[in-house]
Amino acid sequence: MTTRRSADLHGILAAVPTPFTADNVVNEDGIRAFAERLISAGIHGIVSTGTTGEFTTLTDAEYKQVIEAYVRAADGRVPVIAGVGAMSTGKAIELAQHAERVGASAVMLVPPFYDPLDFGTLKVFLREVAESIALPIVYYNVPGATGIRLSAAEVAELGDIPGIDYLKDTSGDAVALAGLLAGYGDRIKAFNGWDTLTFFGIASGAEASVWGLASVLPEQAVRLWDALAVRKDLDEARALWKDLWAVSDFLESVNYVAGIKGGLELVGHPVGDPRRPIQRLSDEDRARFTAVLKSAGAISA
């Protein structure tokens, strides 16, 4: 029987991009610099190779390279949760075992996302991956990509599988998230993963938020966590959230990867362009984002 490990996952877990060079190669120097910026800003953890990390565009070798590079860059100062997404159980196990071998703290696991799995098959998939590693697993609940829509009770049932300890909820369903946090927290810990529900999720008791915006505005994201989750200062948190909501709302109006990478360029921390077929932000969207970031005080007026 696998001896399960634990991980201290809490706070703002930044969903990070994969930096590329001008010739579209994974930029390890860029990963080191990016991780350093986030850690210096007080981010509580790093989530690599997820949606924001463009995992679907990475070769097998690049996938492993990016996970390992973020683990090395973090150097134990914050946990690194390695995103794992594959079309087969065997490939998911291979990536999860690699993440464990190179020192990741946990795995964020998305199920195969072309032919939606029924609930029974999903449980078998999760159990087989969980049994292959000792790391805790964050189930990535993203029905818009996987086609798998679960009730709060079904999500809690996943938490009964040894090793499936957490959920990143990117359903956008505030009612379901509220139900998970209020009624099933003893079976699975739900983290918010939908940008515009970040305030709601934290205020409702989520112990962490997996947030792509935190890669663009890490200091502001940490300030929100401190105000809302630590000091319980609702007035300060609401004031901070006003600008962060506007940025989150913009990101949800465009291709998310293009938005994150465009935002990083605008705030002076470029990490390269998205990989095709994703395009850079259009001139119109870039102008909209510039105005939002200026209003939030993130760039000079």
C-alpha atoms as a PDB file:
ATOM      1  CA  MET A   1       0.000   0.000   0.000  1.00  0.00           C
ATOM      2  CA  THR A   2       1.267   3.474  -0.919  1.00  0.00           C
ATOM      3  CA  THR A   3       2.271   5.654   2.026  1.00  0.00           C
ATOM      4  CA  ARG A   4       0.589   8.913   1.196  1.00  0.00           C
ATOM      5  CA  ARG A   5       2.349  12.228   1.558  1.00  0.00           C
ATOM      6  CA  SER A   6       0.765  15.474   2.597  1.00  0.00           C
ATOM      7  CA  ALA A   7       1.318  19.010   1.360  1.00  0.00           C
ATOM      8  CA  ASP A   8       0.620  22.431   2.818  1.00  0.00           C
ATOM      9  CA  LEU A   9      -1.557  23.905   0.086  1.00  0.00           C
ATOM     10  CA  HIS A  10      -3.165  27.181   1.019  1.00  0.00           C
ATOM     11  CA  GLY A  11      -3.462  30.798   0.012  1.00  0.00           C
ATOM     12  CA  ILE A  12      -2.857  32.151  -3.457  1.00  0.00           C
ATOM     13  CA  LEU A  13      -1.585  29.406  -5.744  1.00  0.00           C
ATOM     14  CA  ALA A  14      -0.453  31.114  -8.923  1.00  0.00           C
ATOM     15  CA  ALA A  15      -1.380  29.326 -12.140  1.00  0.00           C
ATOM     16  CA  VAL A  16       1.778  30.072 -14.089  1.00  0.00           C
ATOM     17  CA  PRO A  17       2.516  30.384 -17.800  1.00  0.00           C
ATOM     18  CA  THR A  18       5.179  28.499 -19.687  1.00  0.00           C
ATOM     19  CA  PRO A  19       7.752  31.079 -20.851  1.00  0.00           C
ATOM     20  CA  PHE A  20       8.961  30.634 -24.424  1.00  0.00           C
ATOM     21  CA  THR A  21      11.900  32.202 -26.227  1.00  0.00           C
ATOM     22  CA  ALA A  22      11.445  34.222 -29.415  1.00  0.00           C
ATOM     23  CA  ASP A  23      11.984  31.018 -31.421  1.00  0.00           C
ATOM     24  CA  ASN A  24       9.269  29.164 -29.457  1.00  0.00           C
ATOM     25  CA  VAL A  25      11.522  27.082 -27.187  1.00  0.00           C
ATOM     26  CA  VAL A  26      10.841  26.556 -23.468  1.00  0.00           C
ATOM     27  CA  ASN A  27      12.769  29.294 -21.670  1.00  0.00           C
ATOM     28  CA  GLU A  28      14.259  27.881 -18.460  1.00  0.00           C
ATOM     29  CA  ASP A  29      15.916  31.189 -17.603  1.00  0.00           C
ATOM     30  CA  GLY A  30      12.498  32.763 -17.961  1.00  0.00           C
ATOM     31  CA  ILE A  31      10.994  30.153 -15.627  1.00  0.00           C
ATOM     32  CA  ARG A  32      13.624  30.869 -12.975  1.00  0.00           C
ATOM     33  CA  ALA A  33      13.095  34.623 -13.190  1.00  0.00           C
ATOM     34  CA  PHE A  34       9.318  34.277 -13.198  1.00  0.00           C
ATOM     35  CA  ALA A  35       9.237  31.978 -10.183  1.00  0.00           C
ATOM     36  CA  GLU A  36      11.555  34.344  -8.311  1.00  0.00           C
ATOM     37  CA  ARG A  37       9.245  37.271  -8.979  1.00  0.00           C
ATOM     38  CA  LEU A  38       6.211  35.384  -7.659  1.00  0.00           C
ATOM     39  CA  ILE A  39       7.951  34.066  -4.564  1.00  0.00           C
ATOM     40  CA  SER A  40       9.335  37.525  -3.770  1.00  0.00           C
ATOM     41  CA  ALA A  41       5.789  38.867  -4.004  1.00  0.00           C
ATOM     42  CA  GLY A  42       4.618  36.425  -1.342  1.00  0.00           C
ATOM     43  CA  ILE A  43       2.732  33.893  -3.472  1.00  0.00           C
ATOM     44  CA  HIS A  44       1.926  30.746  -1.472  1.00  0.00           C
ATOM     45  CA  GLY A  45       2.405  28.195  -4.234  1.00  0.00           C
ATOM     46  CA  ILE A  46       2.937  27.611  -7.947  1.00  0.00           C
ATOM     47  CA  VAL A  47       0.736  25.558 -10.278  1.00  0.00           C
ATOM     48  CA  SER A  48       2.618  24.630 -13.435  1.00  0.00           C
ATOM     49  CA  THR A  49       1.553  22.997 -16.708  1.00  0.00           C
ATOM     50  CA  GLY A  50      -2.143  23.666 -16.350  1.00  0.00           C
ATOM     51  CA  THR A  51      -4.394  25.617 -18.676  1.00  0.00           C
ATOM     52  CA  THR A  52      -2.354  28.794 -18.144  1.00  0.00           C
ATOM     53  CA  GLY A  53       0.812  26.765 -18.754  1.00  0.00           C
ATOM     54  CA  GLU A  54      -0.370  25.664 -22.226  1.00  0.00           C
ATOM     55  CA  PHE A  55       0.136  21.997 -21.384  1.00  0.00           C
ATOM     56  CA  THR A  56      -1.733  20.833 -24.471  1.00  0.00           C
ATOM     57  CA  THR A  57       0.948  22.385 -26.718  1.00  0.00           C
ATOM     58  CA  LEU A  58       3.955  20.837 -24.956  1.00  0.00           C
ATOM     59  CA  THR A  59       5.826  17.790 -26.170  1.00  0.00           C
ATOM     60  CA  ASP A  60       6.313  14.998 -23.641  1.00  0.00           C
ATOM     61  CA  ALA A  61       9.894  16.137 -23.056  1.00  0.00           C
ATOM     62  CA  GLU A  62       8.884  19.788 -22.677  1.00  0.00           C
ATOM     63  CA  TYR A  63       6.088  18.872 -20.276  1.00  0.00           C
ATOM     64  CA  LYS A  64       8.560  17.188 -17.942  1.00  0.00           C
ATOM     65  CA  GLN A  65      11.129  19.947 -18.481  1.00  0.00           C
ATOM     66  CA  VAL A  66       8.723  22.682 -17.395  1.00  0.00           C
ATOM     67  CA  ILE A  67       7.636  20.843 -14.242  1.00  0.00           C
ATOM     68  CA  GLU A  68      11.230  20.151 -13.270  1.00  0.00           C
ATOM     69  CA  ALA A  69      12.319  23.729 -14.004  1.00  0.00           C
ATOM     70  CA  TYR A  70       9.614  25.214 -11.773  1.00  0.00           C
ATOM     71  CA  VAL A  71      10.463  22.766  -8.972  1.00  0.00           C
ATOM     72  CA  ARG A  72      14.143  23.738  -9.183  1.00  0.00           C
ATOM     73  CA  ALA A  73      13.275  27.435  -9.287  1.00  0.00           C
ATOM     74  CA  ALA A  74      11.016  27.210  -6.239  1.00  0.00           C
ATOM     75  CA  ASP A  75      13.739  25.308  -4.381  1.00  0.00           C
ATOM     76  CA  GLY A  76      11.401  24.231  -1.607  1.00  0.00           C
ATOM     77  CA  ARG A  77      10.355  27.756  -0.679  1.00  0.00           C
ATOM     78  CA  VAL A  78       6.773  27.245  -1.872  1.00  0.00           C
ATOM     79  CA  PRO A  79       4.995  24.091  -3.034  1.00  0.00           C
ATOM     80  CA  VAL A  80       4.857  23.356  -6.742  1.00  0.00           C
ATOM     81  CA  ILE A  81       1.678  21.631  -7.904  1.00  0.00           C
ATOM     82  CA  ALA A  82       2.365  19.949 -11.238  1.00  0.00           C
ATOM     83  CA  GLY A  83      -0.519  19.993 -13.671  1.00  0.00           C
ATOM     84  CA  VAL A  84      -1.044  16.613 -15.332  1.00  0.00           C
ATOM     85  CA  GLY A  85      -3.354  16.163 -18.294  1.00  0.00           C
ATOM     86  CA  ALA A  86      -3.252  13.296 -20.776  1.00  0.00           C
ATOM     87  CA  MET A  87      -5.539  11.339 -23.033  1.00  0.00           C
ATOM     88  CA  SER A  88      -4.657   7.969 -21.496  1.00  0.00           C
ATOM     89  CA  THR A  89      -4.238   6.604 -17.996  1.00  0.00           C
ATOM     90  CA  GLY A  90      -0.756   5.370 -18.848  1.00  0.00           C
ATOM     91  CA  LYS A  91       0.462   8.789 -19.968  1.00  0.00           C
ATOM     92  CA  ALA A  92      -1.125  10.488 -16.935  1.00  0.00           C
ATOM     93  CA  ILE A  93       0.673   8.019 -14.660  1.00  0.00           C
ATOM     94  CA  GLU A  94       3.967   8.639 -16.455  1.00  0.00           C
ATOM     95  CA  LEU A  95       3.678  12.406 -15.994  1.00  0.00           C
ATOM     96  CA  ALA A  96       2.511  12.108 -12.379  1.00  0.00           C
ATOM     97  CA  GLN A  97       5.377   9.787 -11.494  1.00  0.00           C
ATOM     98  CA  HIS A  98       7.838  12.167 -13.127  1.00  0.00           C
ATOM     99  CA  ALA A  99       6.426  15.069 -11.105  1.00  0.00           C
ATOM    100  CA  GLU A 100       6.879  13.062  -7.930  1.00  0.00           C
ATOM    101  CA  ARG A 101      10.392  12.002  -8.877  1.00  0.00           C
ATOM    102  CA  VAL A 102      11.615  15.573  -9.499  1.00  0.00           C
ATOM    103  CA  GLY A 103      10.162  16.944  -6.259  1.00  0.00           C
ATOM    104  CA  ALA A 104       6.715  18.390  -6.936  1.00  0.00           C
ATOM    105  CA  SER A 105       4.565  18.760  -3.827  1.00  0.00           C
ATOM    106  CA  ALA A 106       1.301  17.662  -5.426  1.00  0.00           C
ATOM    107  CA  VAL A 107      -0.317  16.893  -8.753  1.00  0.00           C
ATOM    108  CA  MET A 108      -3.277  18.704 -10.296  1.00  0.00           C
ATOM    109  CA  LEU A 109      -4.974  16.063 -12.416  1.00  0.00           C
ATOM    110  CA  VAL A 110      -7.396  16.741 -15.254  1.00  0.00           C
ATOM    111  CA  PRO A 111      -9.117  13.689 -16.763  1.00  0.00           C
ATOM    112  CA  PRO A 112      -8.977  12.891 -20.500  1.00  0.00           C
ATOM    113  CA  PHE A 113     -10.753  15.737 -22.240  1.00  0.00           C
ATOM    114  CA  TYR A 114     -11.858  14.544 -25.685  1.00  0.00           C
ATOM    115  CA  ASP A 115     -14.326  11.750 -24.978  1.00  0.00           C
ATOM    116  CA  PRO A 116     -16.004  12.587 -21.637  1.00  0.00           C
ATOM    117  CA  LEU A 117     -15.719   9.858 -19.008  1.00  0.00           C
ATOM    118  CA  ASP A 118     -18.783   8.620 -17.172  1.00  0.00           C
ATOM    119  CA  PHE A 119     -18.636   8.896 -13.390  1.00  0.00           C
ATOM    120  CA  GLY A 120     -17.672   5.275 -12.779  1.00  0.00           C
ATOM    121  CA  THR A 121     -14.856   5.413 -15.340  1.00  0.00           C
ATOM    122  CA  LEU A 122     -13.661   8.726 -13.886  1.00  0.00           C
ATOM    123  CA  LYS A 123     -13.338   7.122 -10.444  1.00  0.00           C
ATOM    124  CA  VAL A 124     -11.336   4.213 -11.877  1.00  0.00           C
ATOM    125  CA  PHE A 125      -9.043   6.664 -13.711  1.00  0.00           C
ATOM    126  CA  LEU A 126      -8.425   8.751 -10.597  1.00  0.00           C
ATOM    127  CA  ARG A 127      -7.857   5.704  -8.420  1.00  0.00           C
ATOM    128  CA  GLU A 128      -5.288   4.222 -10.814  1.00  0.00           C
ATOM    129  CA  VAL A 129      -3.310   7.455 -11.049  1.00  0.00           C
ATOM    130  CA  ALA A 130      -3.525   8.035  -7.294  1.00  0.00           C
ATOM    131  CA  GLU A 131      -2.253   4.517  -6.591  1.00  0.00           C
ATOM    132  CA  SER A 132       0.795   5.136  -8.801  1.00  0.00           C
ATOM    133  CA  ILE A 133       2.180   7.980  -6.660  1.00  0.00           C
ATOM    134  CA  ALA A 134       2.359   9.059  -3.034  1.00  0.00           C
ATOM    135  CA  LEU A 135       1.688  12.742  -3.728  1.00  0.00           C
ATOM    136  CA  PRO A 136      -1.686  14.299  -2.926  1.00  0.00           C
ATOM    137  CA  ILE A 137      -3.838  15.025  -5.957  1.00  0.00           C
ATOM    138  CA  VAL A 138      -5.913  18.091  -6.772  1.00  0.00           C
ATOM    139  CA  TYR A 139      -8.786  17.044  -9.049  1.00  0.00           C
ATOM    140  CA  TYR A 140      -9.102  19.669 -11.779  1.00  0.00           C
ATOM    141  CA  ASN A 141     -12.836  20.173 -12.216  1.00  0.00           C
ATOM    142  CA  VAL A 142     -13.131  21.982 -15.542  1.00  0.00           C
ATOM    143  CA  PRO A 143     -16.320  20.771 -17.222  1.00  0.00           C
ATOM    144  CA  GLY A 144     -15.996  23.263 -20.071  1.00  0.00           C
ATOM    145  CA  ALA A 145     -12.956  21.307 -21.270  1.00  0.00           C
ATOM    146  CA  THR A 146     -13.685  17.762 -20.095  1.00  0.00           C
ATOM    147  CA  GLY A 147     -17.449  17.590 -20.550  1.00  0.00           C
ATOM    148  CA  ILE A 148     -17.678  16.006 -17.082  1.00  0.00           C
ATOM    149  CA  ARG A 149     -20.196  17.816 -14.879  1.00  0.00           C
ATOM    150  CA  LEU A 150     -20.416  16.612 -11.304  1.00  0.00           C
ATOM    151  CA  SER A 151     -22.732  17.435  -8.435  1.00  0.00           C
ATOM    152  CA  ALA A 152     -21.272  18.477  -5.096  1.00  0.00           C
ATOM    153  CA  ALA A 153     -22.086  15.011  -3.742  1.00  0.00           C
ATOM    154  CA  GLU A 154     -20.252  13.342  -6.633  1.00  0.00           C
ATOM    155  CA  VAL A 155     -17.208  15.552  -6.124  1.00  0.00           C
ATOM    156  CA  ALA A 156     -17.223  14.602  -2.451  1.00  0.00           C
ATOM    157  CA  GLU A 157     -17.325  10.945  -3.480  1.00  0.00           C
ATOM    158  CA  LEU A 158     -14.106  11.496  -5.422  1.00  0.00           C
ATOM    159  CA  GLY A 159     -12.589  12.663  -2.153  1.00  0.00           C
ATOM    160  CA  ASP A 160     -13.159   9.201  -0.728  1.00  0.00           C
ATOM    161  CA  ILE A 161     -10.482   7.863  -3.112  1.00  0.00           C
ATOM    162  CA  PRO A 162      -7.177   7.755  -1.194  1.00  0.00           C
ATOM    163  CA  GLY A 163      -4.942  10.531  -2.504  1.00  0.00           C
ATOM    164  CA  ILE A 164      -7.698  12.674  -4.028  1.00  0.00           C
ATOM    165  CA  ASP A 165      -7.506  15.311  -1.339  1.00  0.00           C
ATOM    166  CA  TYR A 166      -8.294  18.546  -3.137  1.00  0.00           C
ATOM    167  CA  LEU A 167     -10.410  20.043  -5.893  1.00  0.00           C
ATOM    168  CA  LYS A 168      -9.678  22.983  -8.141  1.00  0.00           C
ATOM    169  CA  ASP A 169     -13.166  24.140  -9.069  1.00  0.00           C
ATOM    170  CA  THR A 170     -13.181  25.787 -12.487  1.00  0.00           C
ATOM    171  CA  SER A 171     -16.846  25.120 -13.123  1.00  0.00           C
ATOM    172  CA  GLY A 172     -17.931  28.717 -12.634  1.00  0.00           C
ATOM    173  CA  ASP A 173     -20.841  27.349 -10.583  1.00  0.00           C
ATOM    174  CA  ALA A 174     -20.904  29.388  -7.392  1.00  0.00           C
ATOM    175  CA  VAL A 175     -23.794  27.381  -5.951  1.00  0.00           C
ATOM    176  CA  ALA A 176     -21.891  24.097  -6.363  1.00  0.00           C
ATOM    177  CA  LEU A 177     -18.740  25.614  -4.868  1.00  0.00           C
ATOM    178  CA  ALA A 178     -20.727  26.933  -1.902  1.00  0.00           C
ATOM    179  CA  GLY A 179     -22.186  23.465  -1.386  1.00  0.00           C
ATOM    180  CA  LEU A 180     -18.777  21.835  -1.458  1.00  0.00           C
ATOM    181  CA  LEU A 181     -17.321  24.310   1.014  1.00  0.00           C
ATOM    182  CA  ALA A 182     -20.278  24.220   3.385  1.00  0.00           C
ATOM    183  CA  GLY A 183     -21.219  20.560   3.236  1.00  0.00           C
ATOM    184  CA  TYR A 184     -18.332  18.386   2.132  1.00  0.00           C
ATOM    185  CA  GLY A 185     -15.127  19.948   3.425  1.00  0.00           C
ATOM    186  CA  ASP A 186     -14.396  16.902   5.557  1.00  0.00           C
ATOM    187  CA  ARG A 187     -14.192  14.721   2.419  1.00  0.00           C
ATOM    188  CA  ILE A 188     -12.423  16.966  -0.096  1.00  0.00           C
ATOM    189  CA  LYS A 189     -10.952  20.459   0.175  1.00  0.00           C
ATOM    190  CA  ALA A 190     -12.293  22.702  -2.571  1.00  0.00           C
ATOM    191  CA  PHE A 191     -10.133  25.481  -3.995  1.00  0.00           C
ATOM    192  CA  ASN A 192     -11.580  28.195  -6.185  1.00  0.00           C
ATOM    193  CA  GLY A 193     -10.311  28.169  -9.752  1.00  0.00           C
ATOM    194  CA  TRP A 194     -12.642  30.611 -11.489  1.00  0.00           C
ATOM    195  CA  ASP A 195     -11.197  34.124 -11.545  1.00  0.00           C
ATOM    196  CA  THR A 196     -14.330  36.203 -11.033  1.00  0.00           C
ATOM    197  CA  LEU A 197     -15.405  33.946  -8.123  1.00  0.00           C
ATOM    198  CA  THR A 198     -12.145  34.429  -6.207  1.00  0.00           C
ATOM    199  CA  PHE A 199     -13.594  36.799  -3.600  1.00  0.00           C
ATOM    200  CA  PHE A 200     -16.655  34.595  -3.175  1.00  0.00           C
ATOM    201  CA  GLY A 201     -14.579  31.437  -2.834  1.00  0.00           C
ATOM    202  CA  ILE A 202     -12.198  32.827  -0.238  1.00  0.00           C
ATOM    203  CA  ALA A 203     -14.996  34.499   1.720  1.00  0.00           C
ATOM    204  CA  SER A 204     -16.893  31.190   1.674  1.00  0.00           C
ATOM    205  CA  GLY A 205     -13.987  29.362   3.258  1.00  0.00           C
ATOM    206  CA  ALA A 206     -11.817  28.044   0.426  1.00  0.00           C
ATOM    207  CA  GLU A 207      -8.346  27.454   1.841  1.00  0.00           C
ATOM    208  CA  ALA A 208      -6.733  28.357  -1.468  1.00  0.00           C
ATOM    209  CA  SER A 209      -7.410  29.924  -4.827  1.00  0.00           C
ATOM    210  CA  VAL A 210      -5.657  28.722  -7.988  1.00  0.00           C
ATOM    211  CA  TRP A 211      -5.454  31.981  -9.884  1.00  0.00           C
ATOM    212  CA  GLY A 212      -3.895  32.894 -13.220  1.00  0.00           C
ATOM    213  CA  LEU A 213      -4.296  36.591 -12.459  1.00  0.00           C
ATOM    214  CA  ALA A 214      -1.808  36.084  -9.623  1.00  0.00           C
ATOM    215  CA  SER A 215       0.881  35.558 -12.256  1.00  0.00           C
ATOM    216  CA  VAL A 216       0.225  39.047 -13.617  1.00  0.00           C
ATOM    217  CA  LEU A 217      -0.487  40.901 -10.345  1.00  0.00           C
ATOM    218  CA  PRO A 218       1.009  38.756  -7.577  1.00  0.00           C
ATOM    219  CA  GLU A 219       1.365  41.467  -4.953  1.00  0.00           C
ATOM    220  CA  GLN A 220      -2.258  42.547  -5.338  1.00  0.00           C
ATOM    221  CA  ALA A 221      -3.467  38.939  -5.218  1.00  0.00           C
ATOM    222  CA  VAL A 222      -1.573  38.314  -1.991  1.00  0.00           C
ATOM    223  CA  ARG A 223      -2.932  41.525  -0.481  1.00  0.00           C
ATOM    224  CA  LEU A 224      -6.457  40.333  -1.170  1.00  0.00           C
ATOM    225  CA  TRP A 225      -5.745  37.010   0.543  1.00  0.00           C
ATOM    226  CA  ASP A 226      -4.229  38.730   3.552  1.00  0.00           C
ATOM    227  CA  ALA A 227      -7.133  41.145   3.896  1.00  0.00           C
ATOM    228  CA  LEU A 228      -9.927  38.634   3.353  1.00  0.00           C
ATOM    229  CA  ALA A 229      -8.612  35.322   4.690  1.00  0.00           C
ATOM    230  CA  VAL A 230      -6.069  36.404   7.307  1.00  0.00           C
ATOM    231  CA  ARG A 231      -7.199  39.737   8.787  1.00  0.00           C
ATOM    232  CA  LYS A 232     -10.911  39.286   7.961  1.00  0.00           C
ATOM    233  CA  ASP A 233     -11.070  42.941   6.948  1.00  0.00           C
ATOM    234  CA  LEU A 234     -14.079  42.919   4.656  1.00  0.00           C
ATOM    235  CA  ASP A 235     -13.958  46.617   3.806  1.00  0.00           C
ATOM    236  CA  GLU A 236     -10.311  46.488   2.732  1.00  0.00           C
ATOM    237  CA  ALA A 237     -10.881  43.273   0.804  1.00  0.00           C
ATOM    238  CA  ARG A 238     -13.837  44.753  -1.065  1.00  0.00           C
ATOM    239  CA  ALA A 239     -11.769  47.786  -2.030  1.00  0.00           C
ATOM    240  CA  LEU A 240      -8.963  45.563  -3.320  1.00  0.00           C
ATOM    241  CA  TRP A 241     -11.376  43.255  -5.111  1.00  0.00           C
ATOM    242  CA  LYS A 242     -12.932  46.055  -7.153  1.00  0.00           C
ATOM    243  CA  ASP A 243      -9.814  46.343  -9.337  1.00  0.00           C
ATOM    244  CA  LEU A 244      -8.982  42.642  -9.250  1.00  0.00           C
ATOM    245  CA  TRP A 245     -12.509  41.812 -10.374  1.00  0.00           C
ATOM    246  CA  ALA A 246     -12.115  44.117 -13.371  1.00  0.00           C
ATOM    247  CA  VAL A 247      -8.894  42.348 -14.375  1.00  0.00           C
ATOM    248  CA  SER A 248     -10.491  38.946 -13.805  1.00  0.00           C
ATOM    249  CA  ASP A 249     -13.520  39.954 -15.845  1.00  0.00           C
ATOM    250  CA  PHE A 250     -11.292  41.000 -18.733  1.00  0.00           C
ATOM    251  CA  LEU A 251      -9.370  37.721 -18.645  1.00  0.00           C
ATOM    252  CA  GLU A 252     -12.618  35.792 -18.865  1.00  0.00           C
ATOM    253  CA  SER A 253     -13.633  37.796 -21.946  1.00  0.00           C
ATOM    254  CA  VAL A 254     -10.653  36.705 -24.091  1.00  0.00           C
ATOM    255  CA  ASN A 255      -8.587  33.597 -24.657  1.00  0.00           C
ATOM    256  CA  TYR A 256      -7.170  33.050 -21.187  1.00  0.00           C
ATOM    257  CA  VAL A 257      -3.589  32.205 -22.172  1.00  0.00           C
ATOM    258  CA  ALA A 258      -3.423  35.143 -24.553  1.00  0.00           C
ATOM    259  CA  GLY A 259      -4.788  37.378 -21.797  1.00  0.00           C
ATOM    260  CA  ILE A 260      -2.254  36.261 -19.204  1.00  0.00           C
ATOM    261  CA  LYS A 261       0.701  36.556 -21.559  1.00  0.00           C
ATOM    262  CA  GLY A 262      -0.573  39.882 -22.879  1.00  0.00           C
ATOM    263  CA  GLY A 263      -0.990  41.161 -19.337  1.00  0.00           C
ATOM    264  CA  LEU A 264       2.525  40.117 -18.401  1.00  0.00           C
ATOM    265  CA  GLU A 265       3.874  42.013 -21.384  1.00  0.00           C
ATOM    266  CA  LEU A 266       1.882  45.096 -20.426  1.00  0.00           C
ATOM    267  CA  VAL A 267       3.130  45.111 -16.809  1.00  0.00           C
ATOM    268  CA  GLY A 268       6.744  44.697 -17.943  1.00  0.00           C
ATOM    269  CA  HIS A 269       7.336  40.993 -17.340  1.00  0.00           C
ATOM    270  CA  PRO A 270       6.997  39.365 -20.777  1.00  0.00           C
ATOM    271  CA  VAL A 271       7.275  35.575 -21.054  1.00  0.00           C
ATOM    272  CA  GLY A 272       6.898  35.190 -24.816  1.00  0.00           C
ATOM    273  CA  ASP A 273       3.930  34.646 -27.068  1.00  0.00           C
ATOM    274  CA  PRO A 274       1.348  31.877 -26.789  1.00  0.00           C
ATOM    275  CA  ARG A 275       1.912  28.819 -28.927  1.00  0.00           C
ATOM    276  CA  ARG A 276      -0.167  28.444 -32.041  1.00  0.00           C
ATOM    277  CA  PRO A 277      -2.994  28.138 -32.686  1.00  0.00           C
ATOM    278  CA  ILE A 278      -3.521  30.656 -29.842  1.00  0.00           C
ATOM    279  CA  GLN A 279      -2.890  34.187 -31.058  1.00  0.00           C
ATOM    280  CA  ARG A 280      -1.631  37.271 -29.268  1.00  0.00           C
ATOM    281  CA  LEU A 281      -4.275  39.662 -28.002  1.00  0.00           C
ATOM    282  CA  SER A 282      -5.774  41.767 -30.762  1.00  0.00           C
ATOM    283  CA  ASP A 283      -4.967  45.474 -30.779  1.00  0.00           C
ATOM    284  CA  GLU A 284      -8.482  46.188 -29.572  1.00  0.00           C
ATOM    285  CA  ASP A 285      -8.248  43.741 -26.651  1.00  0.00           C
ATOM    286  CA  ARG A 286      -4.775  44.970 -25.790  1.00  0.00           C
ATOM    287  CA  ALA A 287      -6.113  48.534 -25.584  1.00  0.00           C
ATOM    288  CA  ARG A 288      -8.995  47.364 -23.366  1.00  0.00           C
ATOM    289  CA  PHE A 289      -6.595  45.518 -21.075  1.00  0.00           C
ATOM    290  CA  THR A 290      -4.260  48.504 -20.899  1.00  0.00           C
ATOM    291  CA  ALA A 291      -7.138  50.663 -19.684  1.00  0.00           C
ATOM    292  CA  VAL A 292      -8.149  48.069 -17.057  1.00  0.00           C
ATOM    293  CA  LEU A 293      -4.590  47.741 -15.763  1.00  0.00           C
ATOM    294  CA  LYS A 294      -4.134  51.506 -15.630  1.00  0.00           C
ATOM    295  CA  SER A 295      -7.340  51.870 -13.649  1.00  0.00           C
ATOM    296  CA  ALA A 296      -6.076  49.189 -11.258  1.00  0.00           C
ATOM    297  CA  GLY A 297      -2.807  51.069 -10.804  1.00  0.00           C
ATOM    298  CA  ALA A 298      -0.803  48.195 -12.267  1.00  0.00           C
ATOM    299  CA  ILE A 299       0.780  50.306 -15.010  1.00  0.00           C
ATOM    300  CA  SER A 300       1.424  54.022 -15.268  1.00  0.00           C
ATOM    301  CA  ALA A 301      -1.413  56.178 -16.481  1.00  0.00           C
END
